[in-house]
Protein backbone atom coordinates (compact mmCIF):
# COMPACT_ATOMS: atom_id res chain seq x y z
CA MET A 1 -146.83 -88.53 -132.48
CA TRP A 2 -150.36 -89.54 -133.24
CA SER A 3 -151.59 -86.19 -134.85
CA VAL A 4 -148.58 -86.64 -137.14
CA LEU A 5 -149.57 -90.28 -138.25
CA LEU A 6 -153.14 -89.23 -138.93
CA MET A 7 -151.76 -86.49 -140.96
CA GLY A 8 -150.12 -88.78 -143.17
CA LEU A 9 -153.13 -90.96 -143.25
CA ALA A 10 -155.16 -88.17 -144.75
CA GLY A 11 -153.03 -87.13 -146.97
CA LEU A 12 -152.76 -91.32 -148.50
CA LEU A 13 -156.34 -91.20 -148.43
CA VAL A 14 -156.91 -87.88 -150.48
CA GLY A 15 -153.94 -89.35 -152.88
CA GLY A 16 -155.91 -92.20 -153.21
CA ALA A 17 -158.96 -90.41 -153.93
CA LEU A 18 -157.15 -88.35 -156.59
CA SER A 19 -156.18 -91.58 -157.94
CA PHE A 20 -159.71 -92.78 -158.13
CA ARG A 21 -160.79 -89.94 -160.09
CA GLN A 22 -158.33 -90.34 -162.70
CA GLN A 23 -159.45 -94.38 -163.14
CA ARG A 24 -163.03 -92.93 -163.83
CA LYS A 25 -163.95 -95.16 -160.43
CA PRO A 26 -167.57 -94.40 -159.08
CA LEU A 27 -168.37 -90.97 -157.43
CA TRP A 28 -169.07 -93.06 -153.84
CA THR A 29 -165.48 -94.53 -153.89
CA GLN A 30 -164.06 -90.78 -154.13
CA ILE A 31 -166.37 -89.48 -151.42
CA CYS A 32 -165.57 -92.37 -149.00
CA PHE A 33 -161.86 -91.27 -149.33
CA TYR A 34 -162.41 -87.72 -148.40
CA ILE A 35 -164.64 -88.11 -146.01
CA LEU A 36 -162.07 -90.30 -144.15
CA ALA A 37 -159.47 -88.01 -144.76
CA GLY A 38 -161.69 -85.57 -143.29
CA MET A 39 -162.28 -87.80 -140.39
CA SER A 40 -158.17 -88.21 -140.11
CA LEU A 41 -157.53 -84.68 -139.87
CA LEU A 42 -160.16 -83.95 -137.16
CA ALA A 43 -158.79 -86.77 -134.89
CA ALA A 44 -155.48 -85.39 -135.14
CA TYR A 45 -156.49 -81.83 -134.33
CA LEU A 46 -158.79 -83.32 -131.56
CA LEU A 47 -155.42 -85.26 -130.78
CA SER A 48 -153.35 -82.29 -130.76
CA LEU A 49 -155.54 -79.94 -128.44
CA PRO A 50 -154.13 -79.44 -124.73
CA ALA A 51 -155.92 -81.64 -121.97
CA ALA A 52 -158.29 -80.14 -120.09
């Protein structure tokens, strides 16, 4: 359940980064959004692993 929500959050963050790119906002905002999206996907992956 949480992994699905985190993947959705990653999609929203990537969409926000692309929107900032179209609006010609500073590059650091785009990079931050992409980093947060990557961290969200990593967390979703780690939550989907079986418990050892």
